[in-house]
Amino acid sequence: MTKGQTMERNTQNEDIEIDLGSIFSLLFHKIFIIILMGLLFGALAFFRCKFFITPQYTSETKLYVLNRATDGTTTLTDLQTSTQLTKDYQILVTSKPVLNEVIKKLKLDMEPEQLASAITVTTPSDTRVLQITVTNPDPYKAKEIVDEVAKASADQICEIMQIEKVNVIEEGDVSTTPISTGIKKNTIIGALIGIALACAIVIIRSLLDDTIKDTDDVEKYLGLSTLSMIPICDEMDDGRGKNKRNKKGKANRKKKGK
């Protein structure tokens, strides 16, 4: 690497440091606006979650499914087979026959797809237990739906899988506490978005501003060296500043004479 290339690289690095330094300095001088923007967006996110998102309640029931190969006795093979079929049971719980039966019994004003989106079916690892959870704005309605889903899905599983019985371990309960609406999380995210947006606006405006403000800008953009600076004041404005003061003095003297 030649000496000229080394000097050029050092100059480029110096320019980058100066640019980054000016950006950080600019952000520091605009820190009040940036913080204000973050607080504004955080407040908007808080009020949106607090007053415009409907609280949701959940109710859960559990079913025990065991597929017996022989009557009266439960073998290890039965347990293994039942565990392997739990995914099939999950599909049957949200099948259209089950959903249509629940809608008909409870006279729900919704489509099967809407009801399916409110139902969550899970299976703890290595068990034959189906956990059915229903989410609804009304906690009592959530309990009614989850209990009816448990009954309808139990009948459907017995009919399709040709097993004797599906036992309900526990019925749904009426929840008194809504599920988390993420108020704290969304408020923090909103504040961070506001801060990032404010920083972006400040930086973009600074990059697009090509006006010359001081002697450094003259040397940087025009390649000229400044010999001196002339301060601007009212007295240098073609005598207009002096005339204004003379007029004000005369007006004050007239008022005193009166």
C-alpha atoms as a PDB file:
ATOM      1  CA  MET A   1       0.000   0.000   0.000  1.00  0.00           C
ATOM      2  CA  THR A   2       1.424   3.351  -1.054  1.00  0.00           C
ATOM      3  CA  LYS A   3       1.674   6.417   1.133  1.00  0.00           C
ATOM      4  CA  GLY A   4      -0.989   8.214  -0.913  1.00  0.00           C
ATOM      5  CA  GLN A   5      -3.495   5.353  -0.436  1.00  0.00           C
ATOM      6  CA  THR A   6      -2.806   5.329   3.282  1.00  0.00           C
ATOM      7  CA  MET A   7      -3.448   9.064   3.545  1.00  0.00           C
ATOM      8  CA  GLU A   8      -6.646   8.713   1.508  1.00  0.00           C
ATOM      9  CA  ARG A   9      -7.932   5.920   3.741  1.00  0.00           C
ATOM     10  CA  ASN A  10      -7.145   7.928   6.875  1.00  0.00           C
ATOM     11  CA  THR A  11      -9.009  10.892   5.413  1.00  0.00           C
ATOM     12  CA  GLN A  12     -12.073   8.721   4.673  1.00  0.00           C
ATOM     13  CA  ASN A  13     -12.059   7.307   8.200  1.00  0.00           C
ATOM     14  CA  GLU A  14     -11.817  10.815   9.617  1.00  0.00           C
ATOM     15  CA  ASP A  15     -14.794  11.934   7.505  1.00  0.00           C
ATOM     16  CA  ILE A  16     -16.858   8.983   8.742  1.00  0.00           C
ATOM     17  CA  GLU A  17     -16.030   9.773  12.357  1.00  0.00           C
ATOM     18  CA  ILE A  18     -16.929  13.416  11.846  1.00  0.00           C
ATOM     19  CA  ASP A  19     -20.255  12.452  10.211  1.00  0.00           C
ATOM     20  CA  LEU A  20     -21.149  10.030  12.996  1.00  0.00           C
ATOM     21  CA  GLY A  21     -20.156  12.591  15.566  1.00  0.00           C
ATOM     22  CA  SER A  22     -22.333  15.231  13.947  1.00  0.00           C
ATOM     23  CA  ILE A  23     -25.267  12.818  13.843  1.00  0.00           C
ATOM     24  CA  PHE A  24     -24.955  11.961  17.531  1.00  0.00           C
ATOM     25  CA  SER A  25     -24.568  15.623  18.347  1.00  0.00           C
ATOM     26  CA  LEU A  26     -27.680  16.426  16.327  1.00  0.00           C
ATOM     27  CA  LEU A  27     -29.675  13.706  18.105  1.00  0.00           C
ATOM     28  CA  PHE A  28     -28.453  14.965  21.471  1.00  0.00           C
ATOM     29  CA  HIS A  29     -29.622  18.503  20.690  1.00  0.00           C
ATOM     30  CA  LYS A  30     -33.024  17.117  19.611  1.00  0.00           C
ATOM     31  CA  ILE A  31     -33.321  14.773  22.598  1.00  0.00           C
ATOM     32  CA  PHE A  32     -36.370  16.601  23.960  1.00  0.00           C
ATOM     33  CA  ILE A  33     -38.317  16.111  20.718  1.00  0.00           C
ATOM     34  CA  ILE A  34     -37.215  12.465  20.500  1.00  0.00           C
ATOM     35  CA  ILE A  35     -38.340  11.697  24.056  1.00  0.00           C
ATOM     36  CA  LEU A  36     -41.609  13.558  23.504  1.00  0.00           C
ATOM     37  CA  MET A  37     -42.263  11.508  20.364  1.00  0.00           C
ATOM     38  CA  GLY A  38     -41.589   8.275  22.267  1.00  0.00           C
ATOM     39  CA  LEU A  39     -43.964   9.270  25.066  1.00  0.00           C
ATOM     40  CA  LEU A  40     -46.656  10.204  22.548  1.00  0.00           C
ATOM     41  CA  PHE A  41     -46.494   6.893  20.674  1.00  0.00           C
ATOM     42  CA  GLY A  42     -46.307   4.962  23.948  1.00  0.00           C
ATOM     43  CA  ALA A  43     -49.413   6.746  25.232  1.00  0.00           C
ATOM     44  CA  LEU A  44     -51.273   6.022  21.986  1.00  0.00           C
ATOM     45  CA  ALA A  45     -50.395   2.321  22.238  1.00  0.00           C
ATOM     46  CA  PHE A  46     -51.486   2.250  25.897  1.00  0.00           C
ATOM     47  CA  PHE A  47     -54.880   3.869  25.241  1.00  0.00           C
ATOM     48  CA  ARG A  48     -55.471   1.621  22.236  1.00  0.00           C
ATOM     49  CA  CYS A  49     -54.897  -1.529  24.305  1.00  0.00           C
ATOM     50  CA  LYS A  50     -56.792  -0.161  27.307  1.00  0.00           C
ATOM     51  CA  PHE A  51     -59.935   1.186  25.666  1.00  0.00           C
ATOM     52  CA  PHE A  52     -60.177  -0.202  22.136  1.00  0.00           C
ATOM     53  CA  ILE A  53     -59.300  -3.895  22.587  1.00  0.00           C
ATOM     54  CA  THR A  54     -62.101  -6.062  23.971  1.00  0.00           C
ATOM     55  CA  PRO A  55     -60.968  -8.218  26.932  1.00  0.00           C
ATOM     56  CA  GLN A  56     -61.013 -11.949  26.205  1.00  0.00           C
ATOM     57  CA  TYR A  57     -61.745 -14.743  28.678  1.00  0.00           C
ATOM     58  CA  THR A  58     -60.842 -18.415  28.450  1.00  0.00           C
ATOM     59  CA  SER A  59     -62.415 -21.588  29.762  1.00  0.00           C
ATOM     60  CA  GLU A  60     -60.761 -24.994  29.641  1.00  0.00           C
ATOM     61  CA  THR A  61     -61.920 -28.580  29.855  1.00  0.00           C
ATOM     62  CA  LYS A  62     -60.000 -31.864  29.758  1.00  0.00           C
ATOM     63  CA  LEU A  63     -60.928 -35.159  28.122  1.00  0.00           C
ATOM     64  CA  TYR A  64     -59.362 -38.560  28.703  1.00  0.00           C
ATOM     65  CA  VAL A  65     -59.332 -40.775  25.628  1.00  0.00           C
ATOM     66  CA  LEU A  66     -58.347 -44.448  25.794  1.00  0.00           C
ATOM     67  CA  ASN A  67     -58.717 -46.840  22.903  1.00  0.00           C
ATOM     68  CA  ARG A  68     -58.990 -50.368  24.259  1.00  0.00           C
ATOM     69  CA  ALA A  69     -58.305 -53.362  22.073  1.00  0.00           C
ATOM     70  CA  THR A  70     -59.996 -55.777  24.492  1.00  0.00           C
ATOM     71  CA  ASP A  71     -62.948 -55.380  26.822  1.00  0.00           C
ATOM     72  CA  GLY A  72     -62.354 -54.755  30.498  1.00  0.00           C
ATOM     73  CA  THR A  73     -58.569 -54.659  30.496  1.00  0.00           C
ATOM     74  CA  THR A  74     -56.070 -51.946  29.556  1.00  0.00           C
ATOM     75  CA  THR A  75     -52.774 -53.069  28.111  1.00  0.00           C
ATOM     76  CA  LEU A  76     -49.544 -51.222  27.351  1.00  0.00           C
ATOM     77  CA  THR A  77     -50.405 -51.460  23.680  1.00  0.00           C
ATOM     78  CA  ASP A  78     -53.688 -49.655  24.343  1.00  0.00           C
ATOM     79  CA  LEU A  79     -51.863 -46.816  26.057  1.00  0.00           C
ATOM     80  CA  GLN A  80     -49.292 -46.507  23.270  1.00  0.00           C
ATOM     81  CA  THR A  81     -51.980 -46.590  20.586  1.00  0.00           C
ATOM     82  CA  SER A  82     -54.050 -43.937  22.346  1.00  0.00           C
ATOM     83  CA  THR A  83     -50.998 -41.679  22.654  1.00  0.00           C
ATOM     84  CA  GLN A  84     -50.251 -41.999  18.951  1.00  0.00           C
ATOM     85  CA  LEU A  85     -53.853 -41.138  18.043  1.00  0.00           C
ATOM     86  CA  THR A  86     -54.058 -37.916  20.034  1.00  0.00           C
ATOM     87  CA  LYS A  87     -53.375 -35.841  16.906  1.00  0.00           C
ATOM     88  CA  ASP A  88     -56.334 -37.521  15.246  1.00  0.00           C
ATOM     89  CA  TYR A  89     -58.460 -36.615  18.244  1.00  0.00           C
ATOM     90  CA  GLN A  90     -57.372 -32.982  17.971  1.00  0.00           C
ATOM     91  CA  ILE A  91     -58.589 -32.819  14.380  1.00  0.00           C
ATOM     92  CA  LEU A  92     -61.911 -34.408  15.321  1.00  0.00           C
ATOM     93  CA  VAL A  93     -62.534 -31.816  18.050  1.00  0.00           C
ATOM     94  CA  THR A  94     -62.534 -28.982  15.513  1.00  0.00           C
ATOM     95  CA  SER A  95     -64.242 -30.910  12.733  1.00  0.00           C
ATOM     96  CA  LYS A  96     -67.365 -29.418  11.123  1.00  0.00           C
ATOM     97  CA  PRO A  97     -69.824 -31.966  12.576  1.00  0.00           C
ATOM     98  CA  VAL A  98     -68.691 -30.998  16.087  1.00  0.00           C
ATOM     99  CA  LEU A  99     -68.752 -27.276  15.360  1.00  0.00           C
ATOM    100  CA  ASN A 100     -72.163 -27.379  13.697  1.00  0.00           C
ATOM    101  CA  GLU A 101     -73.562 -29.360  16.625  1.00  0.00           C
ATOM    102  CA  VAL A 102     -72.268 -26.775  19.130  1.00  0.00           C
ATOM    103  CA  ILE A 103     -73.634 -23.871  17.086  1.00  0.00           C
ATOM    104  CA  LYS A 104     -77.024 -25.597  16.835  1.00  0.00           C
ATOM    105  CA  LYS A 105     -77.265 -26.463  20.548  1.00  0.00           C
ATOM    106  CA  LEU A 106     -76.194 -23.034  21.816  1.00  0.00           C
ATOM    107  CA  LYS A 107     -77.808 -21.082  18.954  1.00  0.00           C
ATOM    108  CA  LEU A 108     -74.577 -19.202  18.280  1.00  0.00           C
ATOM    109  CA  ASP A 109     -74.538 -16.433  15.718  1.00  0.00           C
ATOM    110  CA  MET A 110     -71.288 -17.450  14.027  1.00  0.00           C
ATOM    111  CA  GLU A 111     -69.896 -19.597  11.276  1.00  0.00           C
ATOM    112  CA  PRO A 112     -68.032 -22.886  11.955  1.00  0.00           C
ATOM    113  CA  GLU A 113     -64.764 -21.215  10.901  1.00  0.00           C
ATOM    114  CA  GLN A 114     -65.267 -18.442  13.481  1.00  0.00           C
ATOM    115  CA  LEU A 115     -65.934 -20.974  16.223  1.00  0.00           C
ATOM    116  CA  ALA A 116     -62.907 -23.046  15.204  1.00  0.00           C
ATOM    117  CA  SER A 117     -60.661 -19.981  15.513  1.00  0.00           C
ATOM    118  CA  ALA A 118     -61.803 -19.588  19.143  1.00  0.00           C
ATOM    119  CA  ILE A 119     -60.941 -23.205  20.047  1.00  0.00           C
ATOM    120  CA  THR A 120     -57.475 -24.421  20.975  1.00  0.00           C
ATOM    121  CA  VAL A 121     -56.747 -28.128  21.405  1.00  0.00           C
ATOM    122  CA  THR A 122     -53.504 -29.304  22.993  1.00  0.00           C
ATOM    123  CA  THR A 123     -52.148 -32.609  24.297  1.00  0.00           C
ATOM    124  CA  PRO A 124     -49.553 -32.806  27.086  1.00  0.00           C
ATOM    125  CA  SER A 125     -46.575 -34.884  26.063  1.00  0.00           C
ATOM    126  CA  ASP A 126     -46.969 -38.670  26.378  1.00  0.00           C
ATOM    127  CA  THR A 127     -50.559 -38.477  27.663  1.00  0.00           C
ATOM    128  CA  ARG A 128     -54.022 -39.382  26.429  1.00  0.00           C
ATOM    129  CA  VAL A 129     -55.490 -36.125  27.725  1.00  0.00           C
ATOM    130  CA  LEU A 130     -57.020 -33.547  25.406  1.00  0.00           C
ATOM    131  CA  GLN A 131     -57.066 -29.972  26.692  1.00  0.00           C
ATOM    132  CA  ILE A 132     -59.770 -27.919  24.989  1.00  0.00           C
ATOM    133  CA  THR A 133     -59.688 -24.150  25.511  1.00  0.00           C
ATOM    134  CA  VAL A 134     -62.288 -21.664  24.262  1.00  0.00           C
ATOM    135  CA  THR A 135     -61.731 -17.898  24.111  1.00  0.00           C
ATOM    136  CA  ASN A 136     -64.671 -15.487  24.198  1.00  0.00           C
ATOM    137  CA  PRO A 137     -65.409 -11.900  25.328  1.00  0.00           C
ATOM    138  CA  ASP A 138     -68.059 -13.324  27.710  1.00  0.00           C
ATOM    139  CA  PRO A 139     -66.614 -15.641  30.401  1.00  0.00           C
ATOM    140  CA  TYR A 140     -69.965 -17.423  30.878  1.00  0.00           C
ATOM    141  CA  LYS A 141     -70.340 -17.960  27.149  1.00  0.00           C
ATOM    142  CA  ALA A 142     -66.799 -19.348  27.018  1.00  0.00           C
ATOM    143  CA  LYS A 143     -67.726 -21.952  29.651  1.00  0.00           C
ATOM    144  CA  GLU A 144     -70.930 -22.922  27.815  1.00  0.00           C
ATOM    145  CA  ILE A 145     -69.102 -23.336  24.531  1.00  0.00           C
ATOM    146  CA  VAL A 146     -66.196 -25.353  25.929  1.00  0.00           C
ATOM    147  CA  ASP A 147     -68.551 -27.737  27.774  1.00  0.00           C
ATOM    148  CA  GLU A 148     -70.650 -28.258  24.662  1.00  0.00           C
ATOM    149  CA  VAL A 149     -67.528 -28.767  22.523  1.00  0.00           C
ATOM    150  CA  ALA A 150     -66.365 -31.428  24.993  1.00  0.00           C
ATOM    151  CA  LYS A 151     -69.685 -33.309  24.742  1.00  0.00           C
ATOM    152  CA  ALA A 152     -69.952 -33.068  20.963  1.00  0.00           C
ATOM    153  CA  SER A 153     -66.316 -34.024  20.366  1.00  0.00           C
ATOM    154  CA  ALA A 154     -66.582 -36.966  22.797  1.00  0.00           C
ATOM    155  CA  ASP A 155     -69.512 -38.359  20.804  1.00  0.00           C
ATOM    156  CA  GLN A 156     -67.690 -37.739  17.526  1.00  0.00           C
ATOM    157  CA  ILE A 157     -64.512 -39.485  18.714  1.00  0.00           C
ATOM    158  CA  CYS A 158     -66.483 -42.507  19.957  1.00  0.00           C
ATOM    159  CA  GLU A 159     -68.341 -42.757  16.662  1.00  0.00           C
ATOM    160  CA  ILE A 160     -65.378 -42.285  14.334  1.00  0.00           C
ATOM    161  CA  MET A 161     -62.686 -44.149  16.310  1.00  0.00           C
ATOM    162  CA  GLN A 162     -65.023 -46.939  17.433  1.00  0.00           C
ATOM    163  CA  ILE A 163     -64.165 -46.663  21.130  1.00  0.00           C
ATOM    164  CA  GLU A 164     -66.424 -47.138  24.103  1.00  0.00           C
ATOM    165  CA  LYS A 165     -66.262 -43.866  25.943  1.00  0.00           C
ATOM    166  CA  VAL A 166     -64.434 -40.565  26.316  1.00  0.00           C
ATOM    167  CA  ASN A 167     -64.279 -39.368  29.912  1.00  0.00           C
ATOM    168  CA  VAL A 168     -64.503 -35.705  30.887  1.00  0.00           C
ATOM    169  CA  ILE A 169     -61.828 -35.086  33.508  1.00  0.00           C
ATOM    170  CA  GLU A 170     -63.035 -31.600  34.400  1.00  0.00           C
ATOM    171  CA  GLU A 171     -65.598 -29.191  33.054  1.00  0.00           C
ATOM    172  CA  GLY A 172     -64.923 -25.624  32.064  1.00  0.00           C
ATOM    173  CA  ASP A 173     -64.836 -22.878  34.669  1.00  0.00           C
ATOM    174  CA  VAL A 174     -65.914 -19.236  34.619  1.00  0.00           C
ATOM    175  CA  SER A 175     -62.803 -17.077  34.479  1.00  0.00           C
ATOM    176  CA  THR A 176     -62.856 -13.808  36.409  1.00  0.00           C
ATOM    177  CA  THR A 177     -59.601 -12.490  34.944  1.00  0.00           C
ATOM    178  CA  PRO A 178     -59.212 -11.726  31.234  1.00  0.00           C
ATOM    179  CA  ILE A 179     -56.202 -12.979  29.360  1.00  0.00           C
ATOM    180  CA  SER A 180     -53.370 -10.503  28.994  1.00  0.00           C
ATOM    181  CA  THR A 181     -53.901  -7.851  26.326  1.00  0.00           C
ATOM    182  CA  GLY A 182     -50.180  -7.028  26.314  1.00  0.00           C
ATOM    183  CA  ILE A 183     -50.645  -3.433  27.534  1.00  0.00           C
ATOM    184  CA  LYS A 184     -47.148  -3.157  28.997  1.00  0.00           C
ATOM    185  CA  LYS A 185     -45.474  -4.840  26.029  1.00  0.00           C
ATOM    186  CA  ASN A 186     -47.365  -2.800  23.425  1.00  0.00           C
ATOM    187  CA  THR A 187     -46.710   0.442  25.317  1.00  0.00           C
ATOM    188  CA  ILE A 188     -42.962  -0.206  25.300  1.00  0.00           C
ATOM    189  CA  ILE A 189     -43.049  -1.169  21.615  1.00  0.00           C
ATOM    190  CA  GLY A 190     -45.017   1.989  20.787  1.00  0.00           C
ATOM    191  CA  ALA A 191     -42.513   4.164  22.672  1.00  0.00           C
ATOM    192  CA  LEU A 192     -39.576   2.543  20.863  1.00  0.00           C
ATOM    193  CA  ILE A 193     -41.280   3.049  17.497  1.00  0.00           C
ATOM    194  CA  GLY A 194     -41.846   6.712  18.323  1.00  0.00           C
ATOM    195  CA  ILE A 195     -38.204   7.204  19.327  1.00  0.00           C
ATOM    196  CA  ALA A 196     -36.938   5.431  16.200  1.00  0.00           C
ATOM    197  CA  LEU A 197     -39.263   7.445  13.973  1.00  0.00           C
ATOM    198  CA  ALA A 198     -38.206  10.735  15.567  1.00  0.00           C
ATOM    199  CA  CYS A 199     -34.509   9.865  15.146  1.00  0.00           C
ATOM    200  CA  ALA A 200     -35.084   8.926  11.503  1.00  0.00           C
ATOM    201  CA  ILE A 201     -36.911  12.197  10.783  1.00  0.00           C
ATOM    202  CA  VAL A 202     -34.193  14.275  12.456  1.00  0.00           C
ATOM    203  CA  ILE A 203     -31.400  12.496  10.572  1.00  0.00           C
ATOM    204  CA  ILE A 204     -33.170  12.631   7.192  1.00  0.00           C
ATOM    205  CA  ARG A 205     -33.929  16.334   7.564  1.00  0.00           C
ATOM    206  CA  SER A 206     -30.313  16.976   8.462  1.00  0.00           C
ATOM    207  CA  LEU A 207     -29.044  15.018   5.445  1.00  0.00           C
ATOM    208  CA  LEU A 208     -31.398  16.824   3.074  1.00  0.00           C
ATOM    209  CA  ASP A 209     -30.497  20.263   4.454  1.00  0.00           C
ATOM    210  CA  ASP A 210     -27.738  21.623   2.190  1.00  0.00           C
ATOM    211  CA  THR A 211     -27.759  25.204   3.468  1.00  0.00           C
ATOM    212  CA  ILE A 212     -24.474  26.727   4.648  1.00  0.00           C
ATOM    213  CA  LYS A 213     -24.620  27.605   8.330  1.00  0.00           C
ATOM    214  CA  ASP A 214     -21.035  28.259   9.460  1.00  0.00           C
ATOM    215  CA  THR A 215     -17.416  28.529   8.301  1.00  0.00           C
ATOM    216  CA  ASP A 216     -16.963  24.777   8.465  1.00  0.00           C
ATOM    217  CA  ASP A 217     -19.715  24.313   5.885  1.00  0.00           C
ATOM    218  CA  VAL A 218     -18.053  26.924   3.620  1.00  0.00           C
ATOM    219  CA  GLU A 219     -14.756  25.020   3.688  1.00  0.00           C
ATOM    220  CA  LYS A 220     -16.481  21.638   3.334  1.00  0.00           C
ATOM    221  CA  TYR A 221     -18.901  22.325   0.489  1.00  0.00           C
ATOM    222  CA  LEU A 222     -17.261  25.246  -1.352  1.00  0.00           C
ATOM    223  CA  GLY A 223     -13.598  24.487  -0.739  1.00  0.00           C
ATOM    224  CA  LEU A 224     -12.945  28.090   0.331  1.00  0.00           C
ATOM    225  CA  SER A 225     -11.157  29.380   3.383  1.00  0.00           C
ATOM    226  CA  THR A 226     -12.871  32.107   5.399  1.00  0.00           C
ATOM    227  CA  LEU A 227     -10.681  35.035   6.395  1.00  0.00           C
ATOM    228  CA  SER A 228     -13.050  36.687   8.834  1.00  0.00           C
ATOM    229  CA  MET A 229     -16.667  36.829  10.027  1.00  0.00           C
ATOM    230  CA  ILE A 230     -18.893  39.923   9.967  1.00  0.00           C
ATOM    231  CA  PRO A 231     -21.541  39.968  12.704  1.00  0.00           C
ATOM    232  CA  ILE A 232     -24.991  41.132  11.619  1.00  0.00           C
ATOM    233  CA  CYS A 233     -26.891  43.604  13.828  1.00  0.00           C
ATOM    234  CA  ASP A 234     -29.627  46.227  13.478  1.00  0.00           C
ATOM    235  CA  GLU A 235     -27.143  49.104  13.084  1.00  0.00           C
ATOM    236  CA  MET A 236     -25.681  47.503   9.945  1.00  0.00           C
ATOM    237  CA  ASP A 237     -28.999  46.985   8.223  1.00  0.00           C
ATOM    238  CA  ASP A 238     -28.671  50.106   5.970  1.00  0.00           C
ATOM    239  CA  GLY A 239     -29.440  52.388   8.881  1.00  0.00           C
ATOM    240  CA  ARG A 240     -32.927  50.999   9.254  1.00  0.00           C
ATOM    241  CA  GLY A 241     -32.288  49.789  12.758  1.00  0.00           C
ATOM    242  CA  LYS A 242     -31.085  53.253  13.755  1.00  0.00           C
ATOM    243  CA  ASN A 243     -34.135  54.879  12.158  1.00  0.00           C
ATOM    244  CA  LYS A 244     -36.418  52.532  14.053  1.00  0.00           C
ATOM    245  CA  ARG A 245     -34.827  53.491  17.371  1.00  0.00           C
ATOM    246  CA  ASN A 246     -35.067  57.205  16.495  1.00  0.00           C
ATOM    247  CA  LYS A 247     -38.756  56.838  15.706  1.00  0.00           C
ATOM    248  CA  LYS A 248     -39.373  54.992  18.974  1.00  0.00           C
ATOM    249  CA  GLY A 249     -37.515  57.737  20.870  1.00  0.00           C
ATOM    250  CA  LYS A 250     -39.598  60.490  19.282  1.00  0.00           C
ATOM    251  CA  ALA A 251     -42.823  58.629  20.039  1.00  0.00           C
ATOM    252  CA  ASN A 252     -41.823  58.224  23.676  1.00  0.00           C
ATOM    253  CA  ARG A 253     -40.945  61.938  23.977  1.00  0.00           C
ATOM    254  CA  LYS A 254     -44.335  62.910  22.500  1.00  0.00           C
ATOM    255  CA  LYS A 255     -46.109  60.732  25.073  1.00  0.00           C
ATOM    256  CA  LYS A 256     -44.140  62.307  27.911  1.00  0.00           C
ATOM    257  CA  GLY A 257     -44.925  65.832  26.578  1.00  0.00           C
ATOM    258  CA  LYS A 258     -48.630  65.030  26.651  1.00  0.00           C
END
